[in-house]
N, C-alpha and C. Protein backbone atom coordinates (compact mmCIF):
# COMPACT_ATOMS: atom_id res chain seq x y z
N UNK A 1 30.18 -3.99 -71.79
CA UNK A 1 29.90 -2.85 -71.32
C UNK A 1 29.74 -2.52 -70.04
N UNK A 2 30.73 -1.88 -69.66
CA UNK A 2 30.60 -1.71 -67.93
C UNK A 2 29.40 -1.15 -67.42
N UNK A 3 28.97 -1.84 -66.20
CA UNK A 3 27.63 -1.12 -65.80
C UNK A 3 27.50 -0.88 -64.19
N UNK A 4 26.69 0.11 -64.01
CA UNK A 4 27.00 0.37 -62.08
C UNK A 4 26.01 -0.84 -61.37
N UNK A 5 26.76 -1.19 -60.44
CA UNK A 5 26.21 -2.14 -59.27
C UNK A 5 25.39 -1.42 -58.47
N UNK A 6 25.36 0.13 -58.25
CA UNK A 6 24.68 0.61 -57.46
C UNK A 6 24.30 2.05 -58.74
N UNK A 7 23.55 3.21 -58.00
CA UNK A 7 22.95 4.05 -58.53
C UNK A 7 24.51 5.01 -58.96
N UNK A 8 25.04 5.36 -57.72
CA UNK A 8 26.45 6.00 -57.93
C UNK A 8 27.47 5.25 -56.74
N UNK A 9 28.46 5.00 -57.06
CA UNK A 9 29.92 4.99 -56.58
C UNK A 9 30.39 6.16 -56.29
N UNK A 10 30.96 6.21 -54.93
CA UNK A 10 31.71 7.29 -54.54
C UNK A 10 32.91 6.77 -53.95
N UNK A 11 33.94 7.72 -54.65
CA UNK A 11 35.57 7.23 -54.58
C UNK A 11 35.65 8.29 -53.58
N UNK A 12 36.06 8.63 -52.27
CA UNK A 12 36.47 9.95 -51.65
C UNK A 12 37.88 9.59 -51.70
N UNK A 13 38.59 10.52 -52.54
CA UNK A 13 40.17 10.57 -52.25
C UNK A 13 40.98 12.04 -51.47
N UNK A 14 42.20 12.04 -50.72
CA UNK A 14 42.52 12.94 -50.74
C UNK A 14 43.61 13.05 -50.86
N UNK A 15 44.80 13.87 -50.85
CA UNK A 15 46.11 13.67 -51.49
C UNK A 15 46.94 14.63 -50.35
N UNK A 16 48.07 14.26 -50.12
CA UNK A 16 49.09 15.53 -49.48
C UNK A 16 48.96 16.50 -50.30
N UNK A 17 49.03 16.85 -51.17
CA UNK A 17 48.86 18.42 -51.93
C UNK A 17 47.93 19.17 -51.62
N UNK A 18 46.52 18.31 -51.93
CA UNK A 18 45.38 19.18 -51.66
C UNK A 18 44.80 18.92 -50.66
N UNK A 19 44.19 19.44 -49.69
CA UNK A 19 43.41 19.19 -48.47
C UNK A 19 42.30 19.06 -48.95
N UNK A 20 41.25 19.09 -50.20
CA UNK A 20 40.24 18.67 -49.92
C UNK A 20 39.90 17.53 -50.55
N UNK A 21 38.82 16.98 -50.26
CA UNK A 21 38.21 15.48 -50.62
C UNK A 21 37.42 15.52 -51.95
N UNK A 22 38.12 14.60 -53.26
CA UNK A 22 37.64 14.55 -54.28
C UNK A 22 36.56 13.36 -54.48
N UNK A 23 35.40 13.93 -54.98
CA UNK A 23 34.37 12.56 -55.11
C UNK A 23 34.21 12.78 -56.33
N UNK A 24 34.19 11.11 -56.62
CA UNK A 24 34.45 10.65 -58.44
C UNK A 24 32.68 10.15 -57.96
N UNK A 25 31.76 10.39 -58.65
CA UNK A 25 30.51 9.79 -58.96
C UNK A 25 30.35 8.95 -60.44
N UNK A 26 29.71 7.85 -60.09
CA UNK A 26 29.11 7.17 -61.43
C UNK A 26 30.19 6.77 -61.69
N UNK A 27 31.68 6.23 -61.02
CA UNK A 27 32.32 5.46 -61.97
C UNK A 27 31.97 4.23 -61.69
N UNK A 28 32.29 3.23 -62.83
CA UNK A 28 31.87 1.93 -62.74
C UNK A 28 32.47 1.17 -62.00
N UNK A 29 31.93 0.00 -61.19
CA UNK A 29 32.51 -0.91 -60.26
C UNK A 29 33.79 -1.21 -60.61
N UNK A 30 33.64 -1.95 -61.74
CA UNK A 30 34.86 -2.88 -62.43
C UNK A 30 36.43 -1.69 -62.78
N UNK A 31 36.08 -0.76 -63.38
CA UNK A 31 37.03 0.47 -63.07
C UNK A 31 37.40 0.79 -62.22
N UNK A 32 36.87 1.16 -60.89
CA UNK A 32 37.16 1.22 -59.67
C UNK A 32 38.04 0.39 -59.20
N UNK A 33 37.70 -1.11 -59.27
CA UNK A 33 38.44 -2.07 -58.81
C UNK A 33 39.35 -2.19 -59.94
N UNK A 34 39.85 -2.09 -60.95
CA UNK A 34 41.24 -2.07 -61.94
C UNK A 34 42.13 -0.86 -61.14
N UNK A 35 41.47 0.18 -60.91
CA UNK A 35 42.02 1.24 -60.71
C UNK A 35 43.09 1.02 -59.22
N UNK A 36 42.07 0.44 -58.49
CA UNK A 36 42.78 -0.20 -56.74
C UNK A 36 43.66 -1.09 -57.23
N UNK A 37 43.43 -2.33 -57.78
CA UNK A 37 44.36 -3.33 -57.96
C UNK A 37 45.61 -2.60 -58.54
N UNK A 38 45.71 -1.56 -59.81
CA UNK A 38 46.72 -0.93 -60.56
C UNK A 38 47.45 -0.09 -59.31
N UNK A 39 46.91 0.69 -58.26
CA UNK A 39 47.49 1.48 -56.94
C UNK A 39 48.13 0.46 -56.30
N UNK A 40 47.64 -0.73 -56.08
CA UNK A 40 48.33 -1.51 -55.44
C UNK A 40 49.60 -2.20 -55.59
N UNK A 41 49.41 -2.46 -57.30
CA UNK A 41 50.54 -2.79 -57.84
C UNK A 41 51.59 -1.72 -57.59
N UNK A 42 51.52 -0.33 -57.72
CA UNK A 42 52.66 0.76 -57.98
C UNK A 42 52.73 0.91 -56.26
N UNK A 43 51.88 0.42 -55.21
CA UNK A 43 52.42 0.56 -54.12
C UNK A 43 51.96 2.06 -53.78
N UNK A 44 50.97 2.61 -54.19
CA UNK A 44 50.71 3.68 -53.87
C UNK A 44 48.81 4.07 -54.02
N UNK A 45 48.59 4.94 -52.75
CA UNK A 45 46.93 4.90 -52.45
C UNK A 45 45.86 5.53 -54.05
N UNK A 46 44.79 5.16 -53.68
CA UNK A 46 43.91 5.09 -54.73
C UNK A 46 44.10 6.31 -55.42
N UNK A 47 43.67 7.63 -54.39
CA UNK A 47 43.67 8.60 -54.82
C UNK A 47 45.14 9.27 -55.67
N UNK A 48 46.68 8.84 -55.14
CA UNK A 48 47.31 9.43 -56.02
C UNK A 48 47.54 8.41 -57.29
N UNK A 49 47.27 7.56 -57.15
CA UNK A 49 46.74 6.68 -58.34
C UNK A 49 45.93 7.67 -59.68
N UNK A 50 44.99 7.69 -58.73
CA UNK A 50 43.95 8.31 -59.74
C UNK A 50 44.52 9.53 -59.98
N UNK A 51 45.08 10.60 -59.12
CA UNK A 51 45.68 12.32 -59.63
C UNK A 51 46.77 11.62 -60.59
N UNK A 52 47.64 11.12 -60.74
CA UNK A 52 48.80 10.66 -61.44
C UNK A 52 48.24 10.56 -62.61
N UNK A 53 47.31 9.76 -62.93
CA UNK A 53 46.22 9.29 -64.37
C UNK A 53 45.67 10.26 -64.80
N UNK A 54 45.20 11.16 -64.08
CA UNK A 54 44.23 12.33 -64.74
C UNK A 54 45.43 13.29 -64.88
N UNK A 55 46.65 13.76 -64.09
CA UNK A 55 47.87 14.61 -64.09
C UNK A 55 48.36 14.33 -65.89
N UNK A 56 48.53 12.53 -65.89
CA UNK A 56 49.41 12.22 -67.46
C UNK A 56 48.09 12.63 -68.52
N UNK A 57 46.92 12.57 -68.17
CA UNK A 57 46.11 12.43 -69.39
C UNK A 57 45.56 14.07 -70.02
N UNK A 58 45.94 15.18 -68.88
CA UNK A 58 45.95 16.42 -69.05
C UNK A 58 47.18 17.07 -69.65
N UNK A 59 48.15 16.30 -69.02
CA UNK A 59 49.50 16.88 -70.10
C UNK A 59 49.50 16.11 -71.32
N UNK A 60 49.13 14.80 -71.44
CA UNK A 60 49.15 14.51 -72.95
C UNK A 60 48.00 15.24 -73.78
N UNK A 61 46.68 15.66 -73.16
CA UNK A 61 46.00 16.51 -74.13
C UNK A 61 46.68 18.06 -74.44
N UNK A 62 47.16 18.50 -73.41
CA UNK A 62 48.10 19.74 -73.63
C UNK A 62 48.80 19.72 -74.60
N UNK A 63 49.77 18.77 -74.51
CA UNK A 63 51.22 18.42 -75.42
C UNK A 63 50.61 18.38 -76.90
N UNK A 64 49.61 17.61 -77.05
CA UNK A 64 48.48 17.20 -78.28
C UNK A 64 48.19 18.59 -79.10
N UNK A 65 47.81 19.56 -78.09
CA UNK A 65 47.26 20.80 -78.62
C UNK A 65 48.30 21.65 -78.99
N UNK A 66 49.28 21.80 -78.32
CA UNK A 66 50.80 22.50 -78.60
C UNK A 66 51.66 22.08 -79.66
N UNK A 67 51.31 20.44 -79.94
CA UNK A 67 52.02 19.95 -81.10
C UNK A 67 51.00 20.50 -82.18
N UNK A 68 49.61 20.63 -82.43
CA UNK A 68 49.18 20.57 -83.22
C UNK A 68 49.39 21.91 -83.99
N UNK A 69 49.20 22.93 -82.83
CA UNK A 69 49.44 24.62 -82.81
C UNK A 69 50.55 24.72 -83.60
N UNK A 70 51.49 23.85 -83.05
CA UNK A 70 53.27 24.53 -83.66
C UNK A 70 53.21 23.84 -85.12
N UNK A 71 52.64 22.44 -85.19
CA UNK A 71 52.01 22.32 -86.53
C UNK A 71 51.86 23.17 -87.67
N UNK A 72 50.45 23.82 -87.00
CA UNK A 72 49.78 24.41 -88.04
C UNK A 72 50.87 25.87 -88.20
N UNK A 73 51.78 26.25 -87.36
CA UNK A 73 52.35 27.56 -87.59
C UNK A 73 53.30 26.92 -88.37
N UNK A 74 53.73 25.86 -88.29
CA UNK A 74 55.09 25.52 -89.17
C UNK A 74 54.30 25.34 -90.64
N UNK A 75 53.20 24.93 -91.13
CA UNK A 75 53.05 24.89 -92.05
C UNK A 75 52.46 26.44 -92.84
N UNK A 76 51.89 27.53 -91.90
CA UNK A 76 51.84 28.60 -92.06
C UNK A 76 53.35 28.70 -92.93
N UNK A 77 54.55 28.97 -91.98
CA UNK A 77 55.72 29.46 -92.06
C UNK A 77 56.11 28.90 -93.88
N UNK A 78 55.86 27.22 -93.75
CA UNK A 78 56.67 26.66 -95.12
C UNK A 78 55.58 27.53 -96.21
N UNK A 79 54.03 27.74 -96.03
CA UNK A 79 53.35 28.54 -97.27
C UNK A 79 54.01 29.76 -97.48
N UNK A 80 54.50 30.60 -96.71
CA UNK A 80 54.90 31.83 -96.87
C UNK A 80 56.40 31.63 -97.85
N UNK A 81 56.74 30.71 -97.25
CA UNK A 81 58.47 30.58 -97.85
C UNK A 81 58.26 30.15 -99.32
N UNK A 82 57.14 29.00 -99.78
CA UNK A 82 56.74 29.00 -100.85
C UNK A 82 56.42 30.14 -101.71
N UNK A 83 55.57 31.26 -101.06
CA UNK A 83 55.14 32.18 -101.86
C UNK A 83 56.26 32.97 -102.27
N UNK A 84 57.41 33.22 -101.42
CA UNK A 84 58.31 34.08 -101.99
C UNK A 84 59.39 33.51 -102.35
N UNK A 85 59.12 31.94 -102.48
CA UNK A 85 60.14 31.41 -103.71
C UNK A 85 59.90 30.91 -104.91
N UNK A 86 58.55 31.43 -105.13
CA UNK A 86 57.78 30.62 -106.42
C UNK A 86 58.36 31.18 -107.43
N UNK A 87 58.68 32.33 -108.07
CA UNK A 87 59.33 32.18 -109.51
C UNK A 87 60.39 31.29 -109.26
N UNK A 88 61.38 31.24 -108.45
CA UNK A 88 62.80 30.48 -108.52
C UNK A 88 61.98 28.65 -108.60
N UNK A 89 61.45 28.59 -107.52
CA UNK A 89 60.42 26.91 -107.78
C UNK A 89 59.82 26.94 -109.15
N UNK A 90 59.31 27.42 -109.50
CA UNK A 90 58.56 27.60 -111.52
C UNK A 90 59.53 27.01 -111.99
N UNK A 91 60.80 27.46 -111.88
CA UNK A 91 61.62 27.33 -112.86
C UNK A 91 62.34 26.00 -112.72
N UNK A 92 62.27 25.31 -111.62
CA UNK A 92 62.94 24.30 -111.47
C UNK A 92 62.15 22.87 -111.32
N UNK A 93 60.93 23.40 -111.03
CA UNK A 93 59.61 22.33 -110.66
C UNK A 93 58.53 22.47 -111.30
N UNK A 94 57.99 23.56 -112.35
CA UNK A 94 57.39 23.64 -112.83
C UNK A 94 56.32 22.06 -113.31
N UNK A 95 55.12 22.53 -112.67
CA UNK A 95 54.68 21.19 -113.24
C UNK A 95 54.21 19.97 -112.10
N UNK A 96 55.41 20.27 -111.40
CA UNK A 96 55.59 19.17 -110.48
C UNK A 96 55.16 19.21 -108.71
N UNK A 97 54.69 18.58 -108.06
CA UNK A 97 54.53 18.68 -106.36
C UNK A 97 55.75 18.66 -106.06
N UNK A 98 55.95 19.55 -104.87
CA UNK A 98 57.31 19.70 -103.95
C UNK A 98 56.64 19.41 -102.49
N UNK A 99 57.46 18.98 -101.74
CA UNK A 99 57.28 18.43 -100.50
C UNK A 99 58.55 19.87 -99.57
N UNK A 100 57.71 20.40 -98.89
CA UNK A 100 58.43 21.38 -98.17
C UNK A 100 58.30 21.20 -96.91
N UNK A 101 59.97 21.07 -96.18
CA UNK A 101 59.85 21.20 -94.51
C UNK A 101 61.03 22.16 -94.01
N UNK A 102 61.09 22.77 -92.91
CA UNK A 102 61.85 23.80 -92.89
C UNK A 102 62.79 24.73 -93.93
N UNK A 103 61.51 25.31 -94.48
CA UNK A 103 61.68 25.99 -96.08
C UNK A 103 62.67 25.84 -96.55
N UNK A 104 62.74 24.36 -97.60
CA UNK A 104 63.26 23.81 -98.22
C UNK A 104 62.61 22.67 -98.70
N UNK A 105 63.00 22.72 -100.11
CA UNK A 105 62.36 21.49 -100.93
C UNK A 105 63.08 20.20 -100.36
N UNK A 106 62.55 19.06 -100.05
CA UNK A 106 62.77 17.97 -99.43
C UNK A 106 62.79 17.03 -100.52
N UNK A 107 61.84 16.93 -101.71
CA UNK A 107 61.87 16.13 -102.44
C UNK A 107 60.62 16.18 -103.44
N UNK A 108 60.29 15.88 -104.98
CA UNK A 108 59.52 16.28 -105.72
C UNK A 108 59.10 15.33 -106.52
N UNK A 109 58.00 15.58 -106.92
CA UNK A 109 57.93 14.49 -108.34
C UNK A 109 56.35 14.92 -108.83
N UNK A 110 55.90 14.35 -109.98
CA UNK A 110 54.84 14.95 -110.85
C UNK A 110 53.92 14.11 -110.37
N UNK A 111 54.05 13.08 -109.78
CA UNK A 111 52.68 12.38 -109.18
C UNK A 111 52.51 12.61 -107.65
N UNK A 112 51.44 12.98 -107.04
CA UNK A 112 51.31 13.46 -105.74
C UNK A 112 51.55 12.40 -104.93
N UNK A 113 50.83 11.29 -105.33
CA UNK A 113 50.76 9.96 -104.43
C UNK A 113 51.70 9.55 -104.13
N UNK A 114 52.84 9.32 -105.12
CA UNK A 114 54.46 9.20 -105.04
C UNK A 114 55.07 9.45 -104.18
N UNK A 115 55.21 10.80 -104.46
CA UNK A 115 55.66 12.07 -103.44
C UNK A 115 54.97 11.67 -102.01
N UNK A 116 54.00 11.87 -102.08
CA UNK A 116 53.35 11.95 -100.54
C UNK A 116 53.81 10.51 -99.83
N UNK A 117 53.95 9.23 -100.54
CA UNK A 117 54.36 8.16 -99.72
C UNK A 117 55.79 7.79 -99.31
N UNK A 118 56.43 8.45 -100.43
CA UNK A 118 57.84 9.02 -99.88
C UNK A 118 57.90 9.30 -98.69
N UNK A 119 57.36 10.54 -98.89
CA UNK A 119 58.01 11.51 -97.91
C UNK A 119 57.21 11.24 -96.27
N UNK A 120 55.97 10.89 -96.42
CA UNK A 120 55.69 10.24 -95.43
C UNK A 120 56.26 8.78 -94.72
N UNK A 121 56.67 8.12 -95.57
CA UNK A 121 57.57 7.14 -94.95
C UNK A 121 58.84 7.61 -94.62
N UNK A 122 59.52 8.63 -94.88
CA UNK A 122 61.11 8.97 -94.58
C UNK A 122 60.28 10.16 -92.84
N UNK A 123 59.36 10.87 -93.35
CA UNK A 123 59.34 11.96 -92.48
C UNK A 123 58.07 11.70 -91.25
N UNK A 124 57.51 10.84 -91.49
CA UNK A 124 56.37 10.08 -90.08
C UNK A 124 55.14 10.91 -90.36
N UNK A 125 54.32 10.54 -89.78
CA UNK A 125 52.97 11.24 -90.12
C UNK A 125 52.85 12.73 -88.92
N UNK A 126 53.31 13.72 -90.23
CA UNK A 126 53.00 15.20 -89.68
C UNK A 126 52.79 16.01 -90.72
N UNK A 127 52.53 17.41 -90.45
CA UNK A 127 51.79 18.16 -91.78
C UNK A 127 53.19 18.55 -92.63
N UNK A 128 52.59 18.70 -93.59
CA UNK A 128 54.13 18.81 -94.74
C UNK A 128 52.87 19.53 -95.94
N UNK A 129 53.83 20.68 -96.26
CA UNK A 129 53.24 21.49 -97.39
C UNK A 129 53.71 20.84 -98.72
N UNK A 130 52.60 20.58 -99.33
CA UNK A 130 53.04 19.90 -100.85
C UNK A 130 52.53 20.49 -102.18
N UNK A 131 53.01 21.55 -101.89
CA UNK A 131 51.72 22.29 -103.31
C UNK A 131 52.01 21.72 -104.57
N UNK A 132 51.07 21.82 -105.79
CA UNK A 132 51.78 21.56 -106.90
C UNK A 132 51.97 23.41 -107.64
N UNK A 133 53.32 23.25 -108.07
CA UNK A 133 54.42 24.32 -108.19
C UNK A 133 53.49 24.60 -109.87
N UNK A 134 53.04 25.86 -110.08
CA UNK A 134 53.11 26.24 -111.40
C UNK A 134 52.90 27.39 -111.50
N UNK A 135 52.77 27.91 -112.90
CA UNK A 135 53.49 29.83 -112.68
C UNK A 135 52.35 30.65 -112.70
N UNK A 136 50.73 30.20 -112.60
CA UNK A 136 49.93 31.11 -112.04
C UNK A 136 48.90 30.25 -111.43
N UNK A 137 48.45 31.34 -110.79
CA UNK A 137 47.38 31.21 -110.04
C UNK A 137 46.02 30.46 -110.68
N UNK A 138 45.16 29.46 -110.46
CA UNK A 138 44.48 28.82 -111.01
C UNK A 138 43.02 29.79 -110.64
N UNK A 139 42.08 29.95 -111.72
CA UNK A 139 41.18 31.04 -111.47
C UNK A 139 40.10 30.00 -111.82
N UNK A 140 38.89 30.06 -110.87
CA UNK A 140 37.75 29.23 -111.29
C UNK A 140 36.99 29.86 -110.97
N UNK A 141 36.04 30.04 -112.27
CA UNK A 141 34.91 31.15 -111.97
C UNK A 141 33.56 30.05 -111.87
N UNK A 142 32.42 30.32 -111.05
CA UNK A 142 31.73 29.85 -110.74
C UNK A 142 30.33 30.65 -110.66
N UNK A 143 29.10 30.69 -111.17
CA UNK A 143 28.51 31.35 -112.19
C UNK A 143 27.61 31.56 -110.89
N UNK A 144 27.00 32.38 -110.19
CA UNK A 144 25.91 32.26 -109.57
C UNK A 144 24.56 32.19 -110.04
N UNK A 145 23.85 30.95 -109.39
CA UNK A 145 22.45 30.09 -109.71
C UNK A 145 21.43 31.86 -109.71
N UNK A 146 20.61 31.56 -110.64
CA UNK A 146 20.21 32.57 -111.39
C UNK A 146 18.31 31.87 -111.12
N UNK A 147 17.05 33.18 -110.47
CA UNK A 147 16.02 32.23 -110.76
C UNK A 147 15.75 33.03 -112.07
N UNK A 148 14.65 31.91 -112.71
CA UNK A 148 14.21 32.61 -113.72
C UNK A 148 12.52 32.92 -113.37
N UNK A 149 12.18 34.23 -113.68
CA UNK A 149 10.81 34.78 -113.19
C UNK A 149 9.25 34.03 -114.63
N UNK A 150 8.87 33.96 -114.24
CA UNK A 150 8.18 33.46 -115.17
C UNK A 150 6.95 34.76 -115.12
């Protein structure tokens, strides 16, 4: 576990883009040492190296967030398509699970695990809508608890 050699380690950075100095406090000395060495290997200043690393981290986070949003909207689109095509799908796949991508059934199986294994092996880790096709919606009735008065 990294430890601080002093209470506060200040790294003062200035870049050509921003005229302000940036103060990073509380950075473990081993991290600062590694960053300096990495900056030297790249032939850039510590400020440039840290700015580049922060920029990549922010872009990666934003990209992951955008990807999750797109993935969720794709899943919603597949769900709406399924609802519109339900009657046709029941005729073809009643009692089976279907995998839907791009508003079409790409695979089906009565065993969900077997279907999921094949689809994820072919498509990779991503959101895929895989409902059980049935002629009706399953309704579950749950009685609410009652308090018995004495």
